[in-house]
PDB file of N, CA and C in Angstrom:
ATOM      1  N   MET A   1      29.757 -41.408 -20.039  1.00  0.00           N
ATOM      2  CA  MET A   1      29.533 -40.094 -20.595  1.00  0.00           C
ATOM      3  C   MET A   1      30.204 -39.050 -19.714  1.00  0.00           C
ATOM      4  N   ASP A   2      30.913 -38.115 -20.315  1.00  0.00           N
ATOM      5  CA  ASP A   2      31.603 -37.076 -19.572  1.00  0.00           C
ATOM      6  C   ASP A   2      30.610 -36.040 -19.064  1.00  0.00           C
ATOM      7  N   ARG A   3      30.892 -35.545 -17.869  1.00  0.00           N
ATOM      8  CA  ARG A   3      30.060 -34.503 -17.282  1.00  0.00           C
ATOM      9  C   ARG A   3      30.508 -33.148 -17.803  1.00  0.00           C
ATOM     10  N   ILE A   4      29.571 -32.313 -18.179  1.00  0.00           N
ATOM     11  CA  ILE A   4      29.880 -30.988 -18.696  1.00  0.00           C
ATOM     12  C   ILE A   4      29.954 -30.013 -17.529  1.00  0.00           C
ATOM     13  N   ASP A   5      31.026 -29.227 -17.491  1.00  0.00           N
ATOM     14  CA  ASP A   5      31.214 -28.228 -16.439  1.00  0.00           C
ATOM     15  C   ASP A   5      30.377 -26.997 -16.779  1.00  0.00           C
ATOM     16  N   THR A   6      29.387 -26.706 -15.941  1.00  0.00           N
ATOM     17  CA  THR A   6      28.494 -25.573 -16.205  1.00  0.00           C
ATOM     18  C   THR A   6      28.739 -24.413 -15.254  1.00  0.00           C
ATOM     19  N   ARG A   7      29.855 -24.449 -14.517  1.00  0.00           N
ATOM     20  CA  ARG A   7      30.156 -23.343 -13.607  1.00  0.00           C
ATOM     21  C   ARG A   7      30.444 -22.076 -14.398  1.00  0.00           C
ATOM     22  N   PRO A   8      29.961 -20.938 -13.887  1.00  0.00           N
ATOM     23  CA  PRO A   8      30.281 -19.680 -14.568  1.00  0.00           C
ATOM     24  C   PRO A   8      31.772 -19.387 -14.448  1.00  0.00           C
ATOM     25  N   THR A   9      32.333 -18.771 -15.470  1.00  0.00           N
ATOM     26  CA  THR A   9      33.748 -18.417 -15.433  1.00  0.00           C
ATOM     27  C   THR A   9      33.950 -16.911 -15.370  1.00  0.00           C
ATOM     28  N   ASN A  10      32.852 -16.160 -15.327  1.00  0.00           N
ATOM     29  CA  ASN A  10      32.950 -14.719 -15.123  1.00  0.00           C
ATOM     30  C   ASN A  10      31.731 -14.245 -14.343  1.00  0.00           C
ATOM     31  N   LEU A  11      31.844 -13.096 -13.755  1.00  0.00           N
ATOM     32  CA  LEU A  11      30.780 -12.610 -12.882  1.00  0.00           C
ATOM     33  C   LEU A  11      29.526 -12.200 -13.643  1.00  0.00           C
ATOM     34  N   ASP A  12      29.647 -11.859 -14.911  1.00  0.00           N
ATOM     35  CA  ASP A  12      28.461 -11.490 -15.692  1.00  0.00           C
ATOM     36  C   ASP A  12      27.479 -12.650 -15.812  1.00  0.00           C
ATOM     37  N   ASP A  13      27.998 -13.860 -15.922  1.00  0.00           N
ATOM     38  CA  ASP A  13      27.156 -15.044 -16.089  1.00  0.00           C
ATOM     39  C   ASP A  13      26.781 -15.701 -14.764  1.00  0.00           C
ATOM     40  N   ALA A  14      27.260 -15.168 -13.666  1.00  0.00           N
ATOM     41  CA  ALA A  14      27.081 -15.802 -12.360  1.00  0.00           C
ATOM     42  C   ALA A  14      25.704 -15.521 -11.763  1.00  0.00           C
ATOM     43  N   PRO A  15      25.184 -16.466 -10.981  1.00  0.00           N
ATOM     44  CA  PRO A  15      23.924 -16.228 -10.277  1.00  0.00           C
ATOM     45  C   PRO A  15      24.136 -15.263  -9.109  1.00  0.00           C
ATOM     46  N   ALA A  16      23.066 -14.869  -8.449  1.00  0.00           N
ATOM     47  CA  ALA A  16      23.138 -13.901  -7.345  1.00  0.00           C
ATOM     48  C   ALA A  16      23.970 -14.410  -6.178  1.00  0.00           C
ATOM     49  N   CYS A  17      23.934 -15.705  -5.917  1.00  0.00           N
ATOM     50  CA  CYS A  17      24.756 -16.316  -4.869  1.00  0.00           C
ATOM     51  C   CYS A  17      25.555 -17.458  -5.474  1.00  0.00           C
ATOM     52  N   LEU A  18      26.823 -17.504  -5.109  1.00  0.00           N
ATOM     53  CA  LEU A  18      27.750 -18.473  -5.690  1.00  0.00           C
ATOM     54  C   LEU A  18      28.137 -19.543  -4.688  1.00  0.00           C
ATOM     55  N   LYS A  19      28.405 -20.740  -5.190  1.00  0.00           N
ATOM     56  CA  LYS A  19      28.981 -21.816  -4.390  1.00  0.00           C
ATOM     57  C   LYS A  19      30.500 -21.668  -4.445  1.00  0.00           C
ATOM     58  N   VAL A  20      31.191 -22.285  -3.514  1.00  0.00           N
ATOM     59  CA  VAL A  20      32.646 -22.160  -3.461  1.00  0.00           C
ATOM     60  C   VAL A  20      33.319 -22.628  -4.756  1.00  0.00           C
ATOM     61  N   PRO A  21      32.927 -23.755  -5.357  1.00  0.00           N
ATOM     62  CA  PRO A  21      33.565 -24.140  -6.625  1.00  0.00           C
ATOM     63  C   PRO A  21      33.341 -23.112  -7.738  1.00  0.00           C
ATOM     64  N   GLU A  22      32.205 -22.418  -7.718  1.00  0.00           N
ATOM     65  CA  GLU A  22      31.962 -21.369  -8.710  1.00  0.00           C
ATOM     66  C   GLU A  22      32.889 -20.188  -8.486  1.00  0.00           C
ATOM     67  N   VAL A  23      33.114 -19.825  -7.219  1.00  0.00           N
ATOM     68  CA  VAL A  23      34.059 -18.750  -6.898  1.00  0.00           C
ATOM     69  C   VAL A  23      35.450 -19.130  -7.381  1.00  0.00           C
ATOM     70  N   ALA A  24      35.834 -20.386  -7.166  1.00  0.00           N
ATOM     71  CA  ALA A  24      37.144 -20.864  -7.623  1.00  0.00           C
ATOM     72  C   ALA A  24      37.282 -20.706  -9.138  1.00  0.00           C
ATOM     73  N   ALA A  25      36.250 -21.088  -9.883  1.00  0.00           N
ATOM     74  CA  ALA A  25      36.295 -20.985 -11.341  1.00  0.00           C
ATOM     75  C   ALA A  25      36.381 -19.530 -11.789  1.00  0.00           C
ATOM     76  N   ILE A  26      35.625 -18.654 -11.149  1.00  0.00           N
ATOM     77  CA  ILE A  26      35.619 -17.239 -11.518  1.00  0.00           C
ATOM     78  C   ILE A  26      36.966 -16.592 -11.211  1.00  0.00           C
ATOM     79  N   LEU A  27      37.528 -16.891 -10.049  1.00  0.00           N
ATOM     80  CA  LEU A  27      38.801 -16.287  -9.652  1.00  0.00           C
ATOM     81  C   LEU A  27      40.009 -16.976 -10.291  1.00  0.00           C
ATOM     82  N   GLY A  28      39.795 -18.154 -10.867  1.00  0.00           N
ATOM     83  CA  GLY A  28      40.897 -18.879 -11.497  1.00  0.00           C
ATOM     84  C   GLY A  28      41.850 -19.493 -10.490  1.00  0.00           C
ATOM     85  N   VAL A  29      41.288 -19.955  -9.363  1.00  0.00           N
ATOM     86  CA  VAL A  29      42.099 -20.599  -8.325  1.00  0.00           C
ATOM     87  C   VAL A  29      41.549 -21.998  -8.088  1.00  0.00           C
ATOM     88  N   SER A  30      42.313 -22.784  -7.340  1.00  0.00           N
ATOM     89  CA  SER A  30      41.852 -24.136  -7.039  1.00  0.00           C
ATOM     90  C   SER A  30      40.694 -24.096  -6.049  1.00  0.00           C
ATOM     91  N   ARG A  31      39.982 -25.197  -5.980  1.00  0.00           N
ATOM     92  CA  ARG A  31      38.886 -25.318  -5.013  1.00  0.00           C
ATOM     93  C   ARG A  31      39.408 -25.165  -3.582  1.00  0.00           C
ATOM     94  N   ALA A  32      40.569 -25.744  -3.300  1.00  0.00           N
ATOM     95  CA  ALA A  32      41.166 -25.631  -1.961  1.00  0.00           C
ATOM     96  C   ALA A  32      41.490 -24.171  -1.633  1.00  0.00           C
ATOM     97  N   GLN A  33      42.047 -23.442  -2.606  1.00  0.00           N
ATOM     98  CA  GLN A  33      42.351 -22.024  -2.380  1.00  0.00           C
ATOM     99  C   GLN A  33      41.072 -21.225  -2.150  1.00  0.00           C
ATOM    100  N   ALA A  34      40.010 -21.569  -2.868  1.00  0.00           N
ATOM    101  CA  ALA A  34      38.732 -20.876  -2.678  1.00  0.00           C
ATOM    102  C   ALA A  34      38.188 -21.132  -1.281  1.00  0.00           C
ATOM    103  N   TYR A  35      38.298 -22.365  -0.778  1.00  0.00           N
ATOM    104  CA  TYR A  35      37.847 -22.651   0.585  1.00  0.00           C
ATOM    105  C   TYR A  35      38.704 -21.901   1.608  1.00  0.00           C
ATOM    106  N   ASN A  36      40.001 -21.771   1.347  1.00  0.00           N
ATOM    107  CA  ASN A  36      40.854 -20.980   2.241  1.00  0.00           C
ATOM    108  C   ASN A  36      40.386 -19.528   2.277  1.00  0.00           C
ATOM    109  N   LEU A  37      40.054 -18.973   1.117  1.00  0.00           N
ATOM    110  CA  LEU A  37      39.533 -17.606   1.069  1.00  0.00           C
ATOM    111  C   LEU A  37      38.235 -17.481   1.850  1.00  0.00           C
ATOM    112  N   VAL A  38      37.321 -18.398   1.610  1.00  0.00           N
ATOM    113  CA  VAL A  38      36.017 -18.355   2.267  1.00  0.00           C
ATOM    114  C   VAL A  38      36.166 -18.439   3.788  1.00  0.00           C
ATOM    115  N   ASN A  39      37.160 -19.162   4.252  1.00  0.00           N
ATOM    116  CA  ASN A  39      37.375 -19.296   5.694  1.00  0.00           C
ATOM    117  C   ASN A  39      38.228 -18.180   6.282  1.00  0.00           C
ATOM    118  N   SER A  40      38.684 -17.243   5.456  1.00  0.00           N
ATOM    119  CA  SER A  40      39.520 -16.155   5.960  1.00  0.00           C
ATOM    120  C   SER A  40      38.653 -14.996   6.457  1.00  0.00           C
ATOM    121  N   ASN A  41      39.226 -14.220   7.370  1.00  0.00           N
ATOM    122  CA  ASN A  41      38.522 -13.055   7.908  1.00  0.00           C
ATOM    123  C   ASN A  41      38.308 -12.020   6.816  1.00  0.00           C
ATOM    124  N   GLY A  42      37.127 -11.448   6.787  1.00  0.00           N
ATOM    125  CA  GLY A  42      36.840 -10.377   5.857  1.00  0.00           C
ATOM    126  C   GLY A  42      36.288 -10.824   4.515  1.00  0.00           C
ATOM    127  N   PHE A  43      36.277 -12.121   4.250  1.00  0.00           N
ATOM    128  CA  PHE A  43      35.732 -12.588   2.979  1.00  0.00           C
ATOM    129  C   PHE A  43      34.221 -12.732   3.129  1.00  0.00           C
ATOM    130  N   PRO A  44      33.438 -12.206   2.175  1.00  0.00           N
ATOM    131  CA  PRO A  44      31.977 -12.238   2.304  1.00  0.00           C
ATOM    132  C   PRO A  44      31.410 -13.637   2.068  1.00  0.00           C
ATOM    133  N   ARG A  45      30.663 -14.124   3.041  1.00  0.00           N
ATOM    134  CA  ARG A  45      30.069 -15.451   2.912  1.00  0.00           C
ATOM    135  C   ARG A  45      28.854 -15.566   3.820  1.00  0.00           C
ATOM    136  N   LEU A  46      27.979 -16.439   3.464  1.00  0.00           N
ATOM    137  CA  LEU A  46      26.814 -16.764   4.271  1.00  0.00           C
ATOM    138  C   LEU A  46      26.797 -18.269   4.471  1.00  0.00           C
ATOM    139  N   MET A  47      26.297 -18.694   5.606  1.00  0.00           N
ATOM    140  CA  MET A  47      26.087 -20.119   5.830  1.00  0.00           C
ATOM    141  C   MET A  47      24.626 -20.426   5.537  1.00  0.00           C
ATOM    142  N   VAL A  48      24.406 -21.359   4.644  1.00  0.00           N
ATOM    143  CA  VAL A  48      23.056 -21.839   4.357  1.00  0.00           C
ATOM    144  C   VAL A  48      23.078 -23.319   4.694  1.00  0.00           C
ATOM    145  N   GLY A  49      22.504 -23.627   5.829  1.00  0.00           N
ATOM    146  CA  GLY A  49      22.627 -24.995   6.330  1.00  0.00           C
ATOM    147  C   GLY A  49      24.074 -25.242   6.699  1.00  0.00           C
ATOM    148  N   ARG A  50      24.681 -26.214   6.053  1.00  0.00           N
ATOM    149  CA  ARG A  50      26.087 -26.545   6.328  1.00  0.00           C
ATOM    150  C   ARG A  50      27.020 -26.109   5.213  1.00  0.00           C
ATOM    151  N   ARG A  51      26.516 -25.317   4.273  1.00  0.00           N
ATOM    152  CA  ARG A  51      27.399 -24.909   3.179  1.00  0.00           C
ATOM    153  C   ARG A  51      27.491 -23.393   3.075  1.00  0.00           C
ATOM    154  N   PHE A  52      28.607 -22.967   2.493  1.00  0.00           N
ATOM    155  CA  PHE A  52      28.840 -21.543   2.273  1.00  0.00           C
ATOM    156  C   PHE A  52      28.250 -21.124   0.935  1.00  0.00           C
ATOM    157  N   VAL A  53      27.670 -19.925   0.911  1.00  0.00           N
ATOM    158  CA  VAL A  53      27.332 -19.272  -0.347  1.00  0.00           C
ATOM    159  C   VAL A  53      27.905 -17.867  -0.284  1.00  0.00           C
ATOM    160  N   ILE A  54      28.268 -17.359  -1.440  1.00  0.00           N
ATOM    161  CA  ILE A  54      28.915 -16.050  -1.519  1.00  0.00           C
ATOM    162  C   ILE A  54      28.037 -15.154  -2.389  1.00  0.00           C
ATOM    163  N   PRO A  55      27.489 -14.092  -1.810  1.00  0.00           N
ATOM    164  CA  PRO A  55      26.683 -13.174  -2.615  1.00  0.00           C
ATOM    165  C   PRO A  55      27.546 -12.517  -3.693  1.00  0.00           C
ATOM    166  N   LYS A  56      27.064 -12.520  -4.916  1.00  0.00           N
ATOM    167  CA  LYS A  56      27.810 -11.997  -6.061  1.00  0.00           C
ATOM    168  C   LYS A  56      28.225 -10.543  -5.843  1.00  0.00           C
ATOM    169  N   GLU A  57      27.306  -9.686  -5.411  1.00  0.00           N
ATOM    170  CA  GLU A  57      27.636  -8.267  -5.221  1.00  0.00           C
ATOM    171  C   GLU A  57      28.676  -8.084  -4.121  1.00  0.00           C
ATOM    172  N   ALA A  58      28.593  -8.887  -3.062  1.00  0.00           N
ATOM    173  CA  ALA A  58      29.589  -8.805  -1.989  1.00  0.00           C
ATOM    174  C   ALA A  58      30.962  -9.254  -2.490  1.00  0.00           C
ATOM    175  N   LEU A  59      30.993 -10.261  -3.357  1.00  0.00           N
ATOM    176  CA  LEU A  59      32.264 -10.710  -3.946  1.00  0.00           C
ATOM    177  C   LEU A  59      32.859  -9.608  -4.812  1.00  0.00           C
ATOM    178  N   ILE A  60      32.033  -8.949  -5.606  1.00  0.00           N
ATOM    179  CA  ILE A  60      32.509  -7.846  -6.444  1.00  0.00           C
ATOM    180  C   ILE A  60      33.101  -6.744  -5.566  1.00  0.00           C
ATOM    181  N   ASN A  61      32.404  -6.380  -4.491  1.00  0.00           N
ATOM    182  CA  ASN A  61      32.908  -5.348  -3.572  1.00  0.00           C
ATOM    183  C   ASN A  61      34.218  -5.781  -2.921  1.00  0.00           C
ATOM    184  N   TRP A  62      34.313  -7.054  -2.519  1.00  0.00           N
ATOM    185  CA  TRP A  62      35.527  -7.565  -1.890  1.00  0.00           C
ATOM    186  C   TRP A  62      36.702  -7.481  -2.870  1.00  0.00           C
ATOM    187  N   ILE A  63      36.464  -7.843  -4.129  1.00  0.00           N
ATOM    188  CA  ILE A  63      37.515  -7.776  -5.145  1.00  0.00           C
ATOM    189  C   ILE A  63      37.977  -6.329  -5.315  1.00  0.00           C
ATOM    190  N   GLU A  64      37.024  -5.403  -5.427  1.00  0.00           N
ATOM    191  CA  GLU A  64      37.373  -3.992  -5.602  1.00  0.00           C
ATOM    192  C   GLU A  64      38.154  -3.440  -4.407  1.00  0.00           C
ATOM    193  N   GLN A  65      37.751  -3.823  -3.196  1.00  0.00           N
ATOM    194  CA  GLN A  65      38.428  -3.316  -1.987  1.00  0.00           C
ATOM    195  C   GLN A  65      39.803  -3.939  -1.799  1.00  0.00           C
ATOM    196  N   ASN A  66      40.027  -5.110  -2.355  1.00  0.00           N
ATOM    197  CA  ASN A  66      41.293  -5.812  -2.146  1.00  0.00           C
ATOM    198  C   ASN A  66      42.197  -5.811  -3.367  1.00  0.00           C
ATOM    199  N   THR A  67      41.847  -5.019  -4.353  1.00  0.00           N
ATOM    200  CA  THR A  67      42.696  -4.858  -5.524  1.00  0.00           C
ATOM    201  C   THR A  67      43.628  -3.695  -5.301  1.00  0.00           C
ATOM    202  N   HIS A  68      44.900  -3.971  -5.337  1.00  0.00           N
ATOM    203  CA  HIS A  68      45.904  -2.939  -5.107  1.00  0.00           C
ATOM    204  C   HIS A  68      46.568  -2.583  -6.430  1.00  0.00           C
ATOM    205  N   THR A  69      46.635  -1.295  -6.701  1.00  0.00           N
ATOM    206  CA  THR A  69      47.308  -0.850  -7.915  1.00  0.00           C
ATOM    207  C   THR A  69      48.656  -0.250  -7.550  1.00  0.00           C
ATOM    208  N   ALA A  70      49.570  -0.353  -8.456  1.00  0.00           N
ATOM    209  CA  ALA A  70      50.939   0.155  -8.199  1.00  0.00           C
ATOM    210  C   ALA A  70      51.011   1.641  -8.391  1.00  0.00           C
TER     211      ALA A  70
END
């Protein structure tokens, strides 16, 4: 039986804290690229045990601050 992908694909449907694969799905990048972002300076993340979680509101703020318009 195939597994159904239940990751949110937009921030409206996302929970308050996101896992890295959920961030990847929302941003439309690979899981590896999402982990690179999470490990970069300035990206909002929390460590819960041994895993990263990304607060939804902090991700929204990060996107707004890092969006450059021409």
